[in-house]
């Protein structure tokens, strides 16, 4: 059976000292509770080694990785480097990486292959922007993102992927995705995976929701049959906001 997962994405926030304090505080808070989901924090590169060494009930991931193995790529961080810190996960294809850094489906395919080769679990992000949603192209867009980056994988390797759907059009636009809209596209994503790899693989694939999930809507979102958790941005930076989302399971 697929896992329920709540993953935090800290983005470009917290100094090393602030990050260690936040991770430790989350660890202490979770030690006092029984959780019904896996908890992951995806954090800045400079935090990885320090935080991976102090948390047990929380898993650690990176927010990105390079599409190259090693070499003269100044400023890049490879999947092997990430794995060497003790991190277990890596976000690939976040909407901000696609929009601000021009990451194509081909580049994200390479990143996914390198992540898997180094024992990391990719949290692979997909989703449409406002113009695509208004044109009714959301299914077409997410299917293209999945197929061009992931559908050359074997069924075994695809089974190691976590998918995260981001309604980019509902983030910072004043528009809101409804719970029904979230379920509808998650179901389509699962159907798309089933069309390639079969029902068993699709049923075992965790699909997270990445659109302004918070303490107020998490329980309703997670009650949907095809929403297996959340990829949480800003709320993951405050324990009192992140914990209620975890407890929604």
C-alpha atoms as a PDB file:
ATOM      1  CA  UNK A   1       0.000   0.000   0.000  1.00  0.00           C
ATOM      2  CA  UNK A   2       1.109   3.534  -0.717  1.00  0.00           C
ATOM      3  CA  UNK A   3       2.302   5.746   2.094  1.00  0.00           C
ATOM      4  CA  UNK A   4       0.711   8.848   3.550  1.00  0.00           C
ATOM      5  CA  UNK A   5       3.351  11.573   3.509  1.00  0.00           C
ATOM      6  CA  UNK A   6       3.675  15.148   4.727  1.00  0.00           C
ATOM      7  CA  UNK A   7       6.785  16.783   3.291  1.00  0.00           C
ATOM      8  CA  UNK A   8       8.017  20.265   4.132  1.00  0.00           C
ATOM      9  CA  UNK A   9       9.850  22.395   1.574  1.00  0.00           C
ATOM     10  CA  UNK A  10      11.792  25.108   3.368  1.00  0.00           C
ATOM     11  CA  UNK A  11      12.878  26.776   0.099  1.00  0.00           C
ATOM     12  CA  UNK A  12      15.519  29.520   0.552  1.00  0.00           C
ATOM     13  CA  UNK A  13      14.799  30.131   4.216  1.00  0.00           C
ATOM     14  CA  UNK A  14      16.598  29.774   7.568  1.00  0.00           C
ATOM     15  CA  UNK A  15      20.255  30.124   8.425  1.00  0.00           C
ATOM     16  CA  UNK A  16      22.040  26.940   9.425  1.00  0.00           C
ATOM     17  CA  UNK A  17      21.526  27.721  13.106  1.00  0.00           C
ATOM     18  CA  UNK A  18      17.837  28.524  12.603  1.00  0.00           C
ATOM     19  CA  UNK A  19      17.366  25.379  10.553  1.00  0.00           C
ATOM     20  CA  UNK A  20      18.961  23.124  13.164  1.00  0.00           C
ATOM     21  CA  UNK A  21      16.752  24.649  15.860  1.00  0.00           C
ATOM     22  CA  UNK A  22      13.618  24.185  13.733  1.00  0.00           C
ATOM     23  CA  UNK A  23      14.427  20.567  12.856  1.00  0.00           C
ATOM     24  CA  UNK A  24      15.259  19.696  16.445  1.00  0.00           C
ATOM     25  CA  UNK A  25      12.070  21.347  17.676  1.00  0.00           C
ATOM     26  CA  UNK A  26      10.025  19.363  15.175  1.00  0.00           C
ATOM     27  CA  UNK A  27      11.750  16.149  16.229  1.00  0.00           C
ATOM     28  CA  UNK A  28      10.945  16.829  19.905  1.00  0.00           C
ATOM     29  CA  UNK A  29       7.314  17.658  19.099  1.00  0.00           C
ATOM     30  CA  UNK A  30       6.863  14.484  17.053  1.00  0.00           C
ATOM     31  CA  UNK A  31       8.450  12.316  19.736  1.00  0.00           C
ATOM     32  CA  UNK A  32       5.469  13.188  21.911  1.00  0.00           C
ATOM     33  CA  UNK A  33       2.872  12.209  19.299  1.00  0.00           C
ATOM     34  CA  UNK A  34       1.746   9.184  17.340  1.00  0.00           C
ATOM     35  CA  UNK A  35       1.734  10.020  13.640  1.00  0.00           C
ATOM     36  CA  UNK A  36      -0.081   8.211  10.852  1.00  0.00           C
ATOM     37  CA  UNK A  37       2.153   9.466   8.046  1.00  0.00           C
ATOM     38  CA  UNK A  38       5.798   9.729   7.073  1.00  0.00           C
ATOM     39  CA  UNK A  39       7.275  13.172   7.763  1.00  0.00           C
ATOM     40  CA  UNK A  40       9.986  14.590   5.497  1.00  0.00           C
ATOM     41  CA  UNK A  41      11.722  17.967   5.564  1.00  0.00           C
ATOM     42  CA  UNK A  42      13.399  19.126   2.351  1.00  0.00           C
ATOM     43  CA  UNK A  43      15.960  21.728   3.316  1.00  0.00           C
ATOM     44  CA  UNK A  44      18.772  23.909   1.910  1.00  0.00           C
ATOM     45  CA  UNK A  45      21.947  22.089   0.845  1.00  0.00           C
ATOM     46  CA  UNK A  46      24.087  23.627   3.584  1.00  0.00           C
ATOM     47  CA  UNK A  47      21.748  22.201   6.252  1.00  0.00           C
ATOM     48  CA  UNK A  48      21.719  18.601   5.058  1.00  0.00           C
ATOM     49  CA  UNK A  49      24.652  17.006   6.873  1.00  0.00           C
ATOM     50  CA  UNK A  50      23.980  18.793  10.158  1.00  0.00           C
ATOM     51  CA  UNK A  51      20.260  18.068  10.289  1.00  0.00           C
ATOM     52  CA  UNK A  52      20.387  14.497   8.937  1.00  0.00           C
ATOM     53  CA  UNK A  53      22.586  13.704  11.920  1.00  0.00           C
ATOM     54  CA  UNK A  54      20.167  14.932  14.593  1.00  0.00           C
ATOM     55  CA  UNK A  55      16.711  13.732  13.494  1.00  0.00           C
ATOM     56  CA  UNK A  56      15.324  10.195  13.581  1.00  0.00           C
ATOM     57  CA  UNK A  57      11.517  10.389  13.349  1.00  0.00           C
ATOM     58  CA  UNK A  58      11.832  12.948  10.541  1.00  0.00           C
ATOM     59  CA  UNK A  59      13.399  12.079   7.186  1.00  0.00           C
ATOM     60  CA  UNK A  60      15.600  14.592   5.391  1.00  0.00           C
ATOM     61  CA  UNK A  61      15.670  15.580   1.728  1.00  0.00           C
ATOM     62  CA  UNK A  62      17.239  18.181  -0.553  1.00  0.00           C
ATOM     63  CA  UNK A  63      15.286  20.731  -2.574  1.00  0.00           C
ATOM     64  CA  UNK A  64      17.084  20.058  -5.855  1.00  0.00           C
ATOM     65  CA  UNK A  65      20.055  18.236  -7.376  1.00  0.00           C
ATOM     66  CA  UNK A  66      22.284  18.686 -10.415  1.00  0.00           C
ATOM     67  CA  UNK A  67      21.650  16.977 -13.739  1.00  0.00           C
ATOM     68  CA  UNK A  68      25.334  16.019 -13.949  1.00  0.00           C
ATOM     69  CA  UNK A  69      27.307  13.356 -12.102  1.00  0.00           C
ATOM     70  CA  UNK A  70      30.360  15.470 -11.223  1.00  0.00           C
ATOM     71  CA  UNK A  71      32.889  17.800 -12.804  1.00  0.00           C
ATOM     72  CA  UNK A  72      33.393  21.436 -13.715  1.00  0.00           C
ATOM     73  CA  UNK A  73      29.930  22.713 -12.822  1.00  0.00           C
ATOM     74  CA  UNK A  74      30.635  25.485 -10.351  1.00  0.00           C
ATOM     75  CA  UNK A  75      27.983  25.892  -7.686  1.00  0.00           C
ATOM     76  CA  UNK A  76      26.081  22.694  -8.480  1.00  0.00           C
ATOM     77  CA  UNK A  77      25.370  19.906  -5.979  1.00  0.00           C
ATOM     78  CA  UNK A  78      25.215  16.333  -7.220  1.00  0.00           C
ATOM     79  CA  UNK A  79      22.891  13.532  -6.162  1.00  0.00           C
ATOM     80  CA  UNK A  80      25.923  11.626  -4.827  1.00  0.00           C
ATOM     81  CA  UNK A  81      26.872  14.596  -2.636  1.00  0.00           C
ATOM     82  CA  UNK A  82      23.323  14.769  -1.278  1.00  0.00           C
ATOM     83  CA  UNK A  83      23.263  11.042  -0.517  1.00  0.00           C
ATOM     84  CA  UNK A  84      26.608  11.315   1.282  1.00  0.00           C
ATOM     85  CA  UNK A  85      25.034  13.616   3.896  1.00  0.00           C
ATOM     86  CA  UNK A  86      22.502  11.000   4.979  1.00  0.00           C
ATOM     87  CA  UNK A  87      19.596  12.629   3.163  1.00  0.00           C
ATOM     88  CA  UNK A  88      17.120  10.181   1.625  1.00  0.00           C
ATOM     89  CA  UNK A  89      14.898  12.354  -0.585  1.00  0.00           C
ATOM     90  CA  UNK A  90      15.198  15.088  -3.201  1.00  0.00           C
ATOM     91  CA  UNK A  91      12.589  17.399  -4.735  1.00  0.00           C
ATOM     92  CA  UNK A  92      12.834  17.417  -8.527  1.00  0.00           C
ATOM     93  CA  UNK A  93      10.960  19.695 -10.914  1.00  0.00           C
ATOM     94  CA  UNK A  94       9.429  22.117  -8.425  1.00  0.00           C
ATOM     95  CA  UNK A  95       7.407  24.793 -10.220  1.00  0.00           C
ATOM     96  CA  UNK A  96       9.890  27.448  -9.080  1.00  0.00           C
ATOM     97  CA  UNK A  97      12.781  25.516 -10.622  1.00  0.00           C
ATOM     98  CA  UNK A  98      10.828  25.111 -13.866  1.00  0.00           C
ATOM     99  CA  UNK A  99       9.799  28.791 -13.974  1.00  0.00           C
ATOM    100  CA  UNK A 100      12.882  30.618 -12.671  1.00  0.00           C
ATOM    101  CA  UNK A 101      15.662  28.326 -13.872  1.00  0.00           C
ATOM    102  CA  UNK A 102      14.206  26.968 -17.096  1.00  0.00           C
ATOM    103  CA  UNK A 103      14.339  23.321 -16.102  1.00  0.00           C
ATOM    104  CA  UNK A 104      12.882  21.268 -18.946  1.00  0.00           C
ATOM    105  CA  UNK A 105      11.346  17.806 -18.853  1.00  0.00           C
ATOM    106  CA  UNK A 106      14.584  16.483 -20.403  1.00  0.00           C
ATOM    107  CA  UNK A 107      16.739  18.029 -17.657  1.00  0.00           C
ATOM    108  CA  UNK A 108      14.397  16.679 -14.983  1.00  0.00           C
ATOM    109  CA  UNK A 109      14.637  13.223 -16.521  1.00  0.00           C
ATOM    110  CA  UNK A 110      18.422  13.316 -16.020  1.00  0.00           C
ATOM    111  CA  UNK A 111      18.051  14.533 -12.442  1.00  0.00           C
ATOM    112  CA  UNK A 112      15.615  11.726 -11.676  1.00  0.00           C
ATOM    113  CA  UNK A 113      17.942   9.074 -13.086  1.00  0.00           C
ATOM    114  CA  UNK A 114      20.868  10.392 -11.041  1.00  0.00           C
ATOM    115  CA  UNK A 115      18.774  10.595  -7.880  1.00  0.00           C
ATOM    116  CA  UNK A 116      17.649   6.991  -8.261  1.00  0.00           C
ATOM    117  CA  UNK A 117      21.176   5.827  -9.096  1.00  0.00           C
ATOM    118  CA  UNK A 118      22.361   7.283  -5.808  1.00  0.00           C
ATOM    119  CA  UNK A 119      19.623   5.749  -3.690  1.00  0.00           C
ATOM    120  CA  UNK A 120      17.565   8.923  -3.276  1.00  0.00           C
ATOM    121  CA  UNK A 121      13.780   8.974  -3.499  1.00  0.00           C
ATOM    122  CA  UNK A 122      12.628  11.705  -5.895  1.00  0.00           C
ATOM    123  CA  UNK A 123       9.642  13.834  -4.968  1.00  0.00           C
ATOM    124  CA  UNK A 124       8.763  14.713  -8.552  1.00  0.00           C
ATOM    125  CA  UNK A 125       6.645  17.856  -9.006  1.00  0.00           C
ATOM    126  CA  UNK A 126       4.114  18.454 -11.766  1.00  0.00           C
ATOM    127  CA  UNK A 127       1.435  21.073 -12.358  1.00  0.00           C
ATOM    128  CA  UNK A 128       0.003  23.690 -14.677  1.00  0.00           C
ATOM    129  CA  UNK A 129       0.129  27.489 -14.655  1.00  0.00           C
ATOM    130  CA  UNK A 130      -2.904  29.808 -14.774  1.00  0.00           C
ATOM    131  CA  UNK A 131      -3.057  30.168 -18.559  1.00  0.00           C
ATOM    132  CA  UNK A 132      -2.998  26.394 -18.978  1.00  0.00           C
ATOM    133  CA  UNK A 133      -5.720  25.857 -16.362  1.00  0.00           C
ATOM    134  CA  UNK A 134      -7.944  28.536 -17.912  1.00  0.00           C
ATOM    135  CA  UNK A 135      -7.491  26.880 -21.310  1.00  0.00           C
ATOM    136  CA  UNK A 136      -8.522  23.519 -19.843  1.00  0.00           C
ATOM    137  CA  UNK A 137      -5.115  22.018 -20.607  1.00  0.00           C
ATOM    138  CA  UNK A 138      -4.223  20.840 -17.109  1.00  0.00           C
ATOM    139  CA  UNK A 139      -4.527  17.131 -17.899  1.00  0.00           C
ATOM    140  CA  UNK A 140      -2.498  17.502 -21.065  1.00  0.00           C
ATOM    141  CA  UNK A 141       0.250  19.407 -19.237  1.00  0.00           C
ATOM    142  CA  UNK A 142       0.677  17.047 -16.288  1.00  0.00           C
ATOM    143  CA  UNK A 143       0.592  13.996 -18.566  1.00  0.00           C
ATOM    144  CA  UNK A 144       3.353  15.518 -20.716  1.00  0.00           C
ATOM    145  CA  UNK A 145       5.466  16.370 -17.654  1.00  0.00           C
ATOM    146  CA  UNK A 146       5.175  12.832 -16.295  1.00  0.00           C
ATOM    147  CA  UNK A 147       5.621  10.991 -19.566  1.00  0.00           C
ATOM    148  CA  UNK A 148       8.586  12.984 -20.897  1.00  0.00           C
ATOM    149  CA  UNK A 149      10.532  12.794 -17.630  1.00  0.00           C
ATOM    150  CA  UNK A 150       9.518   9.495 -16.055  1.00  0.00           C
ATOM    151  CA  UNK A 151       7.996   7.060 -18.512  1.00  0.00           C
ATOM    152  CA  UNK A 152      11.326   5.640 -19.698  1.00  0.00           C
ATOM    153  CA  UNK A 153      11.847   4.244 -16.198  1.00  0.00           C
ATOM    154  CA  UNK A 154      11.256   0.582 -15.473  1.00  0.00           C
ATOM    155  CA  UNK A 155       8.180  -0.228 -13.414  1.00  0.00           C
ATOM    156  CA  UNK A 156      10.512  -1.047 -10.516  1.00  0.00           C
ATOM    157  CA  UNK A 157      12.210   2.347 -10.654  1.00  0.00           C
ATOM    158  CA  UNK A 158       8.962   4.246 -11.180  1.00  0.00           C
ATOM    159  CA  UNK A 159       7.702   2.551  -8.039  1.00  0.00           C
ATOM    160  CA  UNK A 160      10.354   4.481  -6.090  1.00  0.00           C
ATOM    161  CA  UNK A 161       8.958   7.879  -7.163  1.00  0.00           C
ATOM    162  CA  UNK A 162       6.717  10.147  -5.093  1.00  0.00           C
ATOM    163  CA  UNK A 163       4.623  12.529  -7.202  1.00  0.00           C
ATOM    164  CA  UNK A 164       3.601  16.002  -6.035  1.00  0.00           C
ATOM    165  CA  UNK A 165       0.930  17.980  -7.854  1.00  0.00           C
ATOM    166  CA  UNK A 166       1.239  21.764  -7.652  1.00  0.00           C
ATOM    167  CA  UNK A 167      -1.610  23.908  -8.970  1.00  0.00           C
ATOM    168  CA  UNK A 168       0.761  26.728  -9.865  1.00  0.00           C
ATOM    169  CA  UNK A 169      -2.243  28.851 -10.877  1.00  0.00           C
ATOM    170  CA  UNK A 170      -3.551  28.797  -7.302  1.00  0.00           C
ATOM    171  CA  UNK A 171      -0.312  29.846  -5.591  1.00  0.00           C
ATOM    172  CA  UNK A 172      -0.023  33.583  -4.997  1.00  0.00           C
ATOM    173  CA  UNK A 173      -2.708  34.466  -7.553  1.00  0.00           C
ATOM    174  CA  UNK A 174      -5.662  34.979  -5.244  1.00  0.00           C
ATOM    175  CA  UNK A 175      -7.370  31.974  -6.847  1.00  0.00           C
ATOM    176  CA  UNK A 176      -8.037  28.850  -4.813  1.00  0.00           C
ATOM    177  CA  UNK A 177      -8.105  25.235  -5.877  1.00  0.00           C
ATOM    178  CA  UNK A 178     -11.091  23.415  -4.404  1.00  0.00           C
ATOM    179  CA  UNK A 179     -10.849  20.042  -2.703  1.00  0.00           C
ATOM    180  CA  UNK A 180     -12.831  18.589  -5.608  1.00  0.00           C
ATOM    181  CA  UNK A 181     -10.362  20.022  -8.142  1.00  0.00           C
ATOM    182  CA  UNK A 182      -7.468  18.486  -6.191  1.00  0.00           C
ATOM    183  CA  UNK A 183      -9.103  15.050  -6.150  1.00  0.00           C
ATOM    184  CA  UNK A 184     -10.053  15.277  -9.821  1.00  0.00           C
ATOM    185  CA  UNK A 185      -6.522  15.885 -11.084  1.00  0.00           C
ATOM    186  CA  UNK A 186      -4.917  13.479  -8.598  1.00  0.00           C
ATOM    187  CA  UNK A 187      -7.245  10.778  -9.923  1.00  0.00           C
ATOM    188  CA  UNK A 188      -6.233  11.686 -13.483  1.00  0.00           C
ATOM    189  CA  UNK A 189      -2.550  11.473 -12.536  1.00  0.00           C
ATOM    190  CA  UNK A 190      -3.065   8.023 -11.029  1.00  0.00           C
ATOM    191  CA  UNK A 191      -4.994   6.961 -14.138  1.00  0.00           C
ATOM    192  CA  UNK A 192      -2.094   8.196 -16.306  1.00  0.00           C
ATOM    193  CA  UNK A 193       0.383   6.123 -14.305  1.00  0.00           C
ATOM    194  CA  UNK A 194      -1.907   3.086 -14.535  1.00  0.00           C
ATOM    195  CA  UNK A 195      -2.072   3.480 -18.309  1.00  0.00           C
ATOM    196  CA  UNK A 196       1.712   3.090 -18.494  1.00  0.00           C
ATOM    197  CA  UNK A 197       2.631   0.785 -15.622  1.00  0.00           C
ATOM    198  CA  UNK A 198      -0.637  -0.887 -14.612  1.00  0.00           C
ATOM    199  CA  UNK A 199      -3.038  -0.575 -11.706  1.00  0.00           C
ATOM    200  CA  UNK A 200      -0.771  -2.081  -9.050  1.00  0.00           C
ATOM    201  CA  UNK A 201       2.047   0.420  -9.597  1.00  0.00           C
ATOM    202  CA  UNK A 202      -0.445   3.301  -9.801  1.00  0.00           C
ATOM    203  CA  UNK A 203      -2.206   2.230  -6.606  1.00  0.00           C
ATOM    204  CA  UNK A 204       1.143   2.105  -4.801  1.00  0.00           C
ATOM    205  CA  UNK A 205       2.275   5.580  -5.947  1.00  0.00           C
ATOM    206  CA  UNK A 206       1.935   8.353  -3.363  1.00  0.00           C
ATOM    207  CA  UNK A 207       0.635  11.594  -4.883  1.00  0.00           C
ATOM    208  CA  UNK A 208       1.028  14.680  -2.701  1.00  0.00           C
ATOM    209  CA  UNK A 209      -0.878  17.940  -3.003  1.00  0.00           C
ATOM    210  CA  UNK A 210       1.270  21.064  -3.166  1.00  0.00           C
ATOM    211  CA  UNK A 211      -1.203  23.912  -3.324  1.00  0.00           C
ATOM    212  CA  UNK A 212      -1.470  25.998  -0.157  1.00  0.00           C
ATOM    213  CA  UNK A 213      -2.250  23.105   2.135  1.00  0.00           C
ATOM    214  CA  UNK A 214      -2.699  24.301   5.721  1.00  0.00           C
ATOM    215  CA  UNK A 215      -4.169  23.381   9.109  1.00  0.00           C
ATOM    216  CA  UNK A 216      -7.594  24.526   7.970  1.00  0.00           C
ATOM    217  CA  UNK A 217      -7.937  22.412   4.824  1.00  0.00           C
ATOM    218  CA  UNK A 218      -5.504  19.502   5.305  1.00  0.00           C
ATOM    219  CA  UNK A 219      -7.971  17.042   6.817  1.00  0.00           C
ATOM    220  CA  UNK A 220     -10.517  17.596   4.044  1.00  0.00           C
ATOM    221  CA  UNK A 221      -7.839  17.351   1.339  1.00  0.00           C
ATOM    222  CA  UNK A 222      -6.278  14.196   2.782  1.00  0.00           C
ATOM    223  CA  UNK A 223      -9.691  12.515   3.029  1.00  0.00           C
ATOM    224  CA  UNK A 224      -9.795  12.296  -0.763  1.00  0.00           C
ATOM    225  CA  UNK A 225      -8.978   8.801  -2.067  1.00  0.00           C
ATOM    226  CA  UNK A 226      -6.215   9.977  -4.406  1.00  0.00           C
ATOM    227  CA  UNK A 227      -4.585  12.641  -2.180  1.00  0.00           C
ATOM    228  CA  UNK A 228      -1.887  10.926  -0.153  1.00  0.00           C
ATOM    229  CA  UNK A 229      -0.492  13.921   1.693  1.00  0.00           C
ATOM    230  CA  UNK A 230       1.025  17.306   1.071  1.00  0.00           C
ATOM    231  CA  UNK A 231       4.148  19.103  -0.061  1.00  0.00           C
ATOM    232  CA  UNK A 232       4.088  22.060   2.315  1.00  0.00           C
ATOM    233  CA  UNK A 233       5.873  25.370   1.782  1.00  0.00           C
ATOM    234  CA  UNK A 234       5.569  28.270   4.214  1.00  0.00           C
ATOM    235  CA  UNK A 235       3.684  26.342   6.898  1.00  0.00           C
ATOM    236  CA  UNK A 236       6.614  23.934   7.259  1.00  0.00           C
ATOM    237  CA  UNK A 237       8.735  26.782   8.650  1.00  0.00           C
ATOM    238  CA  UNK A 238       6.705  26.984  11.863  1.00  0.00           C
ATOM    239  CA  UNK A 239       6.162  23.962  14.092  1.00  0.00           C
ATOM    240  CA  UNK A 240       2.754  25.188  15.277  1.00  0.00           C
ATOM    241  CA  UNK A 241       1.583  25.399  11.655  1.00  0.00           C
ATOM    242  CA  UNK A 242       3.258  22.229  10.388  1.00  0.00           C
ATOM    243  CA  UNK A 243       2.154  19.888  13.181  1.00  0.00           C
ATOM    244  CA  UNK A 244      -1.608  20.285  12.592  1.00  0.00           C
ATOM    245  CA  UNK A 245      -1.074  19.281   8.958  1.00  0.00           C
ATOM    246  CA  UNK A 246       0.780  16.154  10.063  1.00  0.00           C
ATOM    247  CA  UNK A 247      -1.964  15.446  12.584  1.00  0.00           C
ATOM    248  CA  UNK A 248      -4.616  15.717   9.860  1.00  0.00           C
ATOM    249  CA  UNK A 249      -3.871  12.043   9.193  1.00  0.00           C
END
